[in-house]
PDB file of N, CA and C in Angstrom:
ATOM      1  N   UNK A   1      45.318 114.545  46.431  1.00  0.00           N
ATOM      2  CA  UNK A   1      46.402 114.202  47.333  1.00  0.00           C
ATOM      3  C   UNK A   1      47.499 115.264  47.183  1.00  0.00           C
ATOM      4  N   UNK A   2      47.872 115.868  48.278  1.00  0.00           N
ATOM      5  CA  UNK A   2      48.910 116.894  48.251  1.00  0.00           C
ATOM      6  C   UNK A   2      50.248 116.267  47.868  1.00  0.00           C
ATOM      7  N   UNK A   3      51.132 117.088  47.326  1.00  0.00           N
ATOM      8  CA  UNK A   3      52.432 116.610  46.878  1.00  0.00           C
ATOM      9  C   UNK A   3      53.192 115.949  48.026  1.00  0.00           C
ATOM     10  N   UNK A   4      53.196 116.594  49.189  1.00  0.00           N
ATOM     11  CA  UNK A   4      53.912 116.034  50.342  1.00  0.00           C
ATOM     12  C   UNK A   4      53.333 114.683  50.747  1.00  0.00           C
ATOM     13  N   UNK A   5      52.029 114.572  50.730  1.00  0.00           N
ATOM     14  CA  UNK A   5      51.367 113.311  51.069  1.00  0.00           C
ATOM     15  C   UNK A   5      51.721 112.219  50.057  1.00  0.00           C
ATOM     16  N   UNK A   6      51.760 112.573  48.789  1.00  0.00           N
ATOM     17  CA  UNK A   6      52.124 111.609  47.741  1.00  0.00           C
ATOM     18  C   UNK A   6      53.559 111.139  47.924  1.00  0.00           C
ATOM     19  N   UNK A   7      54.448 112.057  48.272  1.00  0.00           N
ATOM     20  CA  UNK A   7      55.845 111.692  48.501  1.00  0.00           C
ATOM     21  C   UNK A   7      55.983 110.737  49.687  1.00  0.00           C
ATOM     22  N   UNK A   8      55.225 110.988  50.747  1.00  0.00           N
ATOM     23  CA  UNK A   8      55.253 110.103  51.914  1.00  0.00           C
ATOM     24  C   UNK A   8      54.734 108.713  51.553  1.00  0.00           C
ATOM     25  N   UNK A   9      53.698 108.679  50.715  1.00  0.00           N
ATOM     26  CA  UNK A   9      53.150 107.396  50.282  1.00  0.00           C
ATOM     27  C   UNK A   9      54.178 106.618  49.467  1.00  0.00           C
ATOM     28  N   UNK A  10      54.852 107.302  48.529  1.00  0.00           N
ATOM     29  CA  UNK A  10      55.870 106.636  47.712  1.00  0.00           C
ATOM     30  C   UNK A  10      57.000 106.094  48.580  1.00  0.00           C
ATOM     31  N   UNK A  11      57.399 106.842  49.588  1.00  0.00           N
ATOM     32  CA  UNK A  11      58.469 106.385  50.482  1.00  0.00           C
ATOM     33  C   UNK A  11      58.022 105.177  51.293  1.00  0.00           C
ATOM     34  N   UNK A  12      56.792 105.213  51.794  1.00  0.00           N
ATOM     35  CA  UNK A  12      56.276 104.079  52.574  1.00  0.00           C
ATOM     36  C   UNK A  12      56.163 102.832  51.694  1.00  0.00           C
ATOM     37  N   UNK A  13      55.697 103.016  50.465  1.00  0.00           N
ATOM     38  CA  UNK A  13      55.610 101.893  49.525  1.00  0.00           C
ATOM     39  C   UNK A  13      57.005 101.344  49.247  1.00  0.00           C
ATOM     40  N   UNK A  14      57.953 102.226  49.006  1.00  0.00           N
ATOM     41  CA  UNK A  14      59.327 101.808  48.746  1.00  0.00           C
ATOM     42  C   UNK A  14      59.942 101.047  49.914  1.00  0.00           C
ATOM     43  N   UNK A  15      59.661 101.497  51.119  1.00  0.00           N
ATOM     44  CA  UNK A  15      60.167 100.794  52.300  1.00  0.00           C
ATOM     45  C   UNK A  15      59.581  99.393  52.386  1.00  0.00           C
ATOM     46  N   UNK A  16      58.329  99.262  51.993  1.00  0.00           N
ATOM     47  CA  UNK A  16      57.686  97.931  51.995  1.00  0.00           C
ATOM     48  C   UNK A  16      58.357  97.012  50.979  1.00  0.00           C
ATOM     49  N   UNK A  17      58.647  97.531  49.793  1.00  0.00           N
ATOM     50  CA  UNK A  17      59.323  96.734  48.774  1.00  0.00           C
ATOM     51  C   UNK A  17      60.698  96.312  49.285  1.00  0.00           C
ATOM     52  N   UNK A  18      61.411  97.245  49.877  1.00  0.00           N
ATOM     53  CA  UNK A  18      62.745  96.958  50.413  1.00  0.00           C
ATOM     54  C   UNK A  18      62.692  95.871  51.478  1.00  0.00           C
ATOM     55  N   UNK A  19      61.722  95.979  52.374  1.00  0.00           N
ATOM     56  CA  UNK A  19      61.575  94.991  53.450  1.00  0.00           C
ATOM     57  C   UNK A  19      61.305  93.598  52.873  1.00  0.00           C
ATOM     58  N   UNK A  20      60.412  93.522  51.904  1.00  0.00           N
ATOM     59  CA  UNK A  20      60.098  92.232  51.289  1.00  0.00           C
ATOM     60  C   UNK A  20      61.309  91.663  50.551  1.00  0.00           C
ATOM     61  N   UNK A  21      62.000  92.524  49.814  1.00  0.00           N
ATOM     62  CA  UNK A  21      63.178  92.078  49.061  1.00  0.00           C
ATOM     63  C   UNK A  21      64.247  91.534  50.006  1.00  0.00           C
ATOM     64  N   UNK A  22      64.516  92.258  51.068  1.00  0.00           N
ATOM     65  CA  UNK A  22      65.544  91.837  52.026  1.00  0.00           C
ATOM     66  C   UNK A  22      65.136  90.582  52.784  1.00  0.00           C
ATOM     67  N   UNK A  23      63.842  90.440  53.070  1.00  0.00           N
ATOM     68  CA  UNK A  23      63.374  89.245  53.787  1.00  0.00           C
ATOM     69  C   UNK A  23      63.563  87.981  52.954  1.00  0.00           C
ATOM     70  N   UNK A  24      63.632  88.163  51.641  1.00  0.00           N
ATOM     71  CA  UNK A  24      63.838  87.031  50.737  1.00  0.00           C
ATOM     72  C   UNK A  24      65.292  86.941  50.274  1.00  0.00           C
ATOM     73  N   UNK A  25      66.161  87.730  50.914  1.00  0.00           N
ATOM     74  CA  UNK A  25      67.601  87.730  50.604  1.00  0.00           C
ATOM     75  C   UNK A  25      67.875  87.965  49.122  1.00  0.00           C
ATOM     76  N   UNK A  26      67.187  88.945  48.554  1.00  0.00           N
ATOM     77  CA  UNK A  26      67.364  89.266  47.139  1.00  0.00           C
ATOM     78  C   UNK A  26      68.106  90.587  46.993  1.00  0.00           C
ATOM     79  N   UNK A  27      69.077  90.615  46.124  1.00  0.00           N
ATOM     80  CA  UNK A  27      69.726  91.872  45.760  1.00  0.00           C
ATOM     81  C   UNK A  27      68.834  92.563  44.726  1.00  0.00           C
ATOM     82  N   UNK A  28      69.175  93.817  44.412  1.00  0.00           N
ATOM     83  CA  UNK A  28      68.431  94.505  43.354  1.00  0.00           C
ATOM     84  C   UNK A  28      68.504  93.703  42.057  1.00  0.00           C
ATOM     85  N   UNK A  29      69.684  93.223  41.745  1.00  0.00           N
ATOM     86  CA  UNK A  29      69.866  92.487  40.484  1.00  0.00           C
ATOM     87  C   UNK A  29      69.091  91.166  40.473  1.00  0.00           C
ATOM     88  N   UNK A  30      69.092  90.461  41.606  1.00  0.00           N
ATOM     89  CA  UNK A  30      68.354  89.185  41.668  1.00  0.00           C
ATOM     90  C   UNK A  30      66.862  89.434  41.484  1.00  0.00           C
ATOM     91  N   UNK A  31      66.348  90.463  42.144  1.00  0.00           N
ATOM     92  CA  UNK A  31      64.930  90.777  41.985  1.00  0.00           C
ATOM     93  C   UNK A  31      64.645  91.171  40.542  1.00  0.00           C
ATOM     94  N   UNK A  32      65.524  91.959  39.954  1.00  0.00           N
ATOM     95  CA  UNK A  32      65.346  92.375  38.559  1.00  0.00           C
ATOM     96  C   UNK A  32      65.311  91.177  37.621  1.00  0.00           C
ATOM     97  N   UNK A  33      66.107  90.148  37.921  1.00  0.00           N
ATOM     98  CA  UNK A  33      66.115  88.943  37.092  1.00  0.00           C
ATOM     99  C   UNK A  33      64.801  88.176  37.209  1.00  0.00           C
ATOM    100  N   UNK A  34      64.121  88.333  38.334  1.00  0.00           N
ATOM    101  CA  UNK A  34      62.873  87.606  38.574  1.00  0.00           C
ATOM    102  C   UNK A  34      61.640  88.345  38.055  1.00  0.00           C
ATOM    103  N   UNK A  35      61.825  89.603  37.690  1.00  0.00           N
ATOM    104  CA  UNK A  35      60.697  90.381  37.169  1.00  0.00           C
ATOM    105  C   UNK A  35      61.186  91.299  36.053  1.00  0.00           C
ATOM    106  N   UNK A  36      60.278  91.934  35.400  1.00  0.00           N
ATOM    107  CA  UNK A  36      60.600  92.773  34.255  1.00  0.00           C
ATOM    108  C   UNK A  36      60.763  94.234  34.689  1.00  0.00           C
ATOM    109  N   UNK A  37      61.658  94.461  35.684  1.00  0.00           N
ATOM    110  CA  UNK A  37      61.932  95.804  36.186  1.00  0.00           C
ATOM    111  C   UNK A  37      63.447  95.945  36.278  1.00  0.00           C
ATOM    112  N   UNK A  38      63.977  97.020  35.739  1.00  0.00           N
ATOM    113  CA  UNK A  38      65.417  97.251  35.784  1.00  0.00           C
ATOM    114  C   UNK A  38      65.885  97.411  37.225  1.00  0.00           C
ATOM    115  N   UNK A  39      67.066  96.864  37.525  1.00  0.00           N
ATOM    116  CA  UNK A  39      67.553  96.897  38.904  1.00  0.00           C
ATOM    117  C   UNK A  39      67.735  98.325  39.411  1.00  0.00           C
ATOM    118  N   UNK A  40      68.114  99.254  38.547  1.00  0.00           N
ATOM    119  CA  UNK A  40      68.286 100.638  38.998  1.00  0.00           C
ATOM    120  C   UNK A  40      66.933 101.270  39.331  1.00  0.00           C
ATOM    121  N   UNK A  41      65.878 100.842  38.644  1.00  0.00           N
ATOM    122  CA  UNK A  41      64.538 101.335  38.966  1.00  0.00           C
ATOM    123  C   UNK A  41      64.063 100.780  40.298  1.00  0.00           C
ATOM    124  N   UNK A  42      64.439  99.560  40.631  1.00  0.00           N
ATOM    125  CA  UNK A  42      64.058  98.984  41.916  1.00  0.00           C
ATOM    126  C   UNK A  42      64.638  99.838  43.044  1.00  0.00           C
ATOM    127  N   UNK A  43      65.879 100.237  42.902  1.00  0.00           N
ATOM    128  CA  UNK A  43      66.509 101.108  43.890  1.00  0.00           C
ATOM    129  C   UNK A  43      65.741 102.424  44.019  1.00  0.00           C
ATOM    130  N   UNK A  44      65.362 103.013  42.905  1.00  0.00           N
ATOM    131  CA  UNK A  44      64.628 104.276  42.922  1.00  0.00           C
ATOM    132  C   UNK A  44      63.237 104.105  43.526  1.00  0.00           C
ATOM    133  N   UNK A  45      62.598 102.982  43.254  1.00  0.00           N
ATOM    134  CA  UNK A  45      61.279 102.697  43.829  1.00  0.00           C
ATOM    135  C   UNK A  45      61.395 102.601  45.343  1.00  0.00           C
ATOM    136  N   UNK A  46      62.403 101.875  45.819  1.00  0.00           N
ATOM    137  CA  UNK A  46      62.588 101.695  47.257  1.00  0.00           C
ATOM    138  C   UNK A  46      62.876 103.013  47.967  1.00  0.00           C
ATOM    139  N   UNK A  47      63.469 103.950  47.271  1.00  0.00           N
ATOM    140  CA  UNK A  47      63.776 105.262  47.856  1.00  0.00           C
ATOM    141  C   UNK A  47      62.621 106.249  47.684  1.00  0.00           C
ATOM    142  N   UNK A  48      61.565 105.825  47.003  1.00  0.00           N
ATOM    143  CA  UNK A  48      60.413 106.695  46.786  1.00  0.00           C
ATOM    144  C   UNK A  48      60.675 107.794  45.789  1.00  0.00           C
ATOM    145  N   UNK A  49      61.595 107.563  44.865  1.00  0.00           N
ATOM    146  CA  UNK A  49      61.995 108.610  43.926  1.00  0.00           C
ATOM    147  C   UNK A  49      61.198 108.628  42.633  1.00  0.00           C
ATOM    148  N   UNK A  50      60.539 107.511  42.310  1.00  0.00           N
ATOM    149  CA  UNK A  50      59.786 107.477  41.052  1.00  0.00           C
ATOM    150  C   UNK A  50      58.382 106.931  41.284  1.00  0.00           C
ATOM    151  N   UNK A  51      57.479 107.378  40.442  1.00  0.00           N
ATOM    152  CA  UNK A  51      56.112 106.860  40.439  1.00  0.00           C
ATOM    153  C   UNK A  51      56.093 105.650  39.517  1.00  0.00           C
ATOM    154  N   UNK A  52      55.292 104.668  39.863  1.00  0.00           N
ATOM    155  CA  UNK A  52      55.215 103.477  39.030  1.00  0.00           C
ATOM    156  C   UNK A  52      53.772 103.213  38.624  1.00  0.00           C
ATOM    157  N   UNK A  53      53.632 102.386  37.605  1.00  0.00           N
ATOM    158  CA  UNK A  53      52.308 102.052  37.098  1.00  0.00           C
ATOM    159  C   UNK A  53      51.911 100.651  37.543  1.00  0.00           C
ATOM    160  N   UNK A  54      50.656 100.327  37.359  1.00  0.00           N
ATOM    161  CA  UNK A  54      50.129  99.032  37.793  1.00  0.00           C
ATOM    162  C   UNK A  54      50.894  97.834  37.226  1.00  0.00           C
ATOM    163  N   UNK A  55      51.286  97.831  35.963  1.00  0.00           N
ATOM    164  CA  UNK A  55      52.056  96.676  35.477  1.00  0.00           C
ATOM    165  C   UNK A  55      53.367  96.470  36.242  1.00  0.00           C
ATOM    166  N   UNK A  56      53.981  97.555  36.697  1.00  0.00           N
ATOM    167  CA  UNK A  56      55.212  97.435  37.480  1.00  0.00           C
ATOM    168  C   UNK A  56      54.924  96.819  38.842  1.00  0.00           C
ATOM    169  N   UNK A  57      53.801  97.177  39.427  1.00  0.00           N
ATOM    170  CA  UNK A  57      53.401  96.586  40.703  1.00  0.00           C
ATOM    171  C   UNK A  57      53.223  95.081  40.530  1.00  0.00           C
ATOM    172  N   UNK A  58      52.583  94.683  39.457  1.00  0.00           N
ATOM    173  CA  UNK A  58      52.393  93.258  39.179  1.00  0.00           C
ATOM    174  C   UNK A  58      53.737  92.556  39.012  1.00  0.00           C
ATOM    175  N   UNK A  59      54.660  93.156  38.277  1.00  0.00           N
ATOM    176  CA  UNK A  59      55.982  92.560  38.080  1.00  0.00           C
ATOM    177  C   UNK A  59      56.738  92.431  39.409  1.00  0.00           C
ATOM    178  N   UNK A  60      56.686  93.466  40.229  1.00  0.00           N
ATOM    179  CA  UNK A  60      57.355  93.395  41.538  1.00  0.00           C
ATOM    180  C   UNK A  60      56.763  92.279  42.395  1.00  0.00           C
ATOM    181  N   UNK A  61      55.445  92.158  42.377  1.00  0.00           N
ATOM    182  CA  UNK A  61      54.789  91.099  43.148  1.00  0.00           C
ATOM    183  C   UNK A  61      55.239  89.722  42.655  1.00  0.00           C
ATOM    184  N   UNK A  62      55.315  89.550  41.343  1.00  0.00           N
ATOM    185  CA  UNK A  62      55.790  88.276  40.791  1.00  0.00           C
ATOM    186  C   UNK A  62      57.224  88.003  41.224  1.00  0.00           C
ATOM    187  N   UNK A  63      58.068  89.015  41.124  1.00  0.00           N
ATOM    188  CA  UNK A  63      59.470  88.848  41.486  1.00  0.00           C
ATOM    189  C   UNK A  63      59.673  88.548  42.957  1.00  0.00           C
ATOM    190  N   UNK A  64      58.795  89.092  43.794  1.00  0.00           N
ATOM    191  CA  UNK A  64      58.888  88.864  45.238  1.00  0.00           C
ATOM    192  C   UNK A  64      58.062  87.657  45.674  1.00  0.00           C
ATOM    193  N   UNK A  65      57.346  87.051  44.739  1.00  0.00           N
ATOM    194  CA  UNK A  65      56.504  85.889  44.998  1.00  0.00           C
ATOM    195  C   UNK A  65      55.458  86.181  46.082  1.00  0.00           C
ATOM    196  N   UNK A  66      54.769  87.315  45.910  1.00  0.00           N
ATOM    197  CA  UNK A  66      53.694  87.701  46.817  1.00  0.00           C
ATOM    198  C   UNK A  66      52.508  88.171  45.988  1.00  0.00           C
ATOM    199  N   UNK A  67      51.352  88.258  46.620  1.00  0.00           N
ATOM    200  CA  UNK A  67      50.176  88.818  45.960  1.00  0.00           C
ATOM    201  C   UNK A  67      50.374  90.330  45.876  1.00  0.00           C
ATOM    202  N   UNK A  68      49.932  90.974  44.797  1.00  0.00           N
ATOM    203  CA  UNK A  68      50.111  92.421  44.689  1.00  0.00           C
ATOM    204  C   UNK A  68      49.598  93.200  45.899  1.00  0.00           C
ATOM    205  N   UNK A  69      48.528  92.745  46.528  1.00  0.00           N
ATOM    206  CA  UNK A  69      48.000  93.466  47.692  1.00  0.00           C
ATOM    207  C   UNK A  69      48.997  93.495  48.847  1.00  0.00           C
ATOM    208  N   UNK A  70      49.875  92.484  48.906  1.00  0.00           N
ATOM    209  CA  UNK A  70      50.868  92.431  49.974  1.00  0.00           C
ATOM    210  C   UNK A  70      51.888  93.566  49.870  1.00  0.00           C
ATOM    211  N   UNK A  71      52.027  94.134  48.695  1.00  0.00           N
ATOM    212  CA  UNK A  71      52.950  95.256  48.523  1.00  0.00           C
ATOM    213  C   UNK A  71      52.440  96.514  49.220  1.00  0.00           C
ATOM    214  N   UNK A  72      51.154  96.530  49.516  1.00  0.00           N
ATOM    215  CA  UNK A  72      50.540  97.699  50.144  1.00  0.00           C
ATOM    216  C   UNK A  72      50.236  97.479  51.626  1.00  0.00           C
ATOM    217  N   UNK A  73      50.851  96.488  52.226  1.00  0.00           N
ATOM    218  CA  UNK A  73      50.623  96.168  53.637  1.00  0.00           C
ATOM    219  C   UNK A  73      51.573  97.014  54.498  1.00  0.00           C
ATOM    220  N   UNK A  74      51.265  98.307  54.583  1.00  0.00           N
ATOM    221  CA  UNK A  74      52.051  99.207  55.407  1.00  0.00           C
ATOM    222  C   UNK A  74      51.121 100.281  55.957  1.00  0.00           C
ATOM    223  N   UNK A  75      51.528 100.881  57.065  1.00  0.00           N
ATOM    224  CA  UNK A  75      50.716 101.934  57.676  1.00  0.00           C
ATOM    225  C   UNK A  75      50.904 103.240  56.929  1.00  0.00           C
ATOM    226  N   UNK A  76      49.788 103.914  56.719  1.00  0.00           N
ATOM    227  CA  UNK A  76      49.811 105.215  56.091  1.00  0.00           C
ATOM    228  C   UNK A  76      48.621 106.005  56.628  1.00  0.00           C
ATOM    229  N   UNK A  77      48.866 107.167  57.181  1.00  0.00           N
ATOM    230  CA  UNK A  77      47.769 107.917  57.793  1.00  0.00           C
ATOM    231  C   UNK A  77      46.749 108.392  56.763  1.00  0.00           C
ATOM    232  N   UNK A  78      45.468 108.212  57.091  1.00  0.00           N
ATOM    233  CA  UNK A  78      44.395 108.708  56.256  1.00  0.00           C
ATOM    234  C   UNK A  78      44.007 110.093  56.729  1.00  0.00           C
ATOM    235  N   UNK A  79      43.759 110.985  55.802  1.00  0.00           N
ATOM    236  CA  UNK A  79      43.292 112.339  56.168  1.00  0.00           C
ATOM    237  C   UNK A  79      41.813 112.461  55.931  1.00  0.00           C
TER     238      UNK A  79
END
């Protein structure tokens, strides 16, 4: 995966997290309280600034009360 493609994927993933968080009326801090992810990292994830690992995906899903697969429900072009 090219660097540019990876960056686009991280941004699309972050936008999905942001959309889910806002749909549940959660602030960064409220979401952080519901999962084991620092609120400042949630902001960075939503902006596509950091790479995350599978345990973080699980924590975000728990905090958002969704299945982990729902975090990946966004359009992304396949090459």
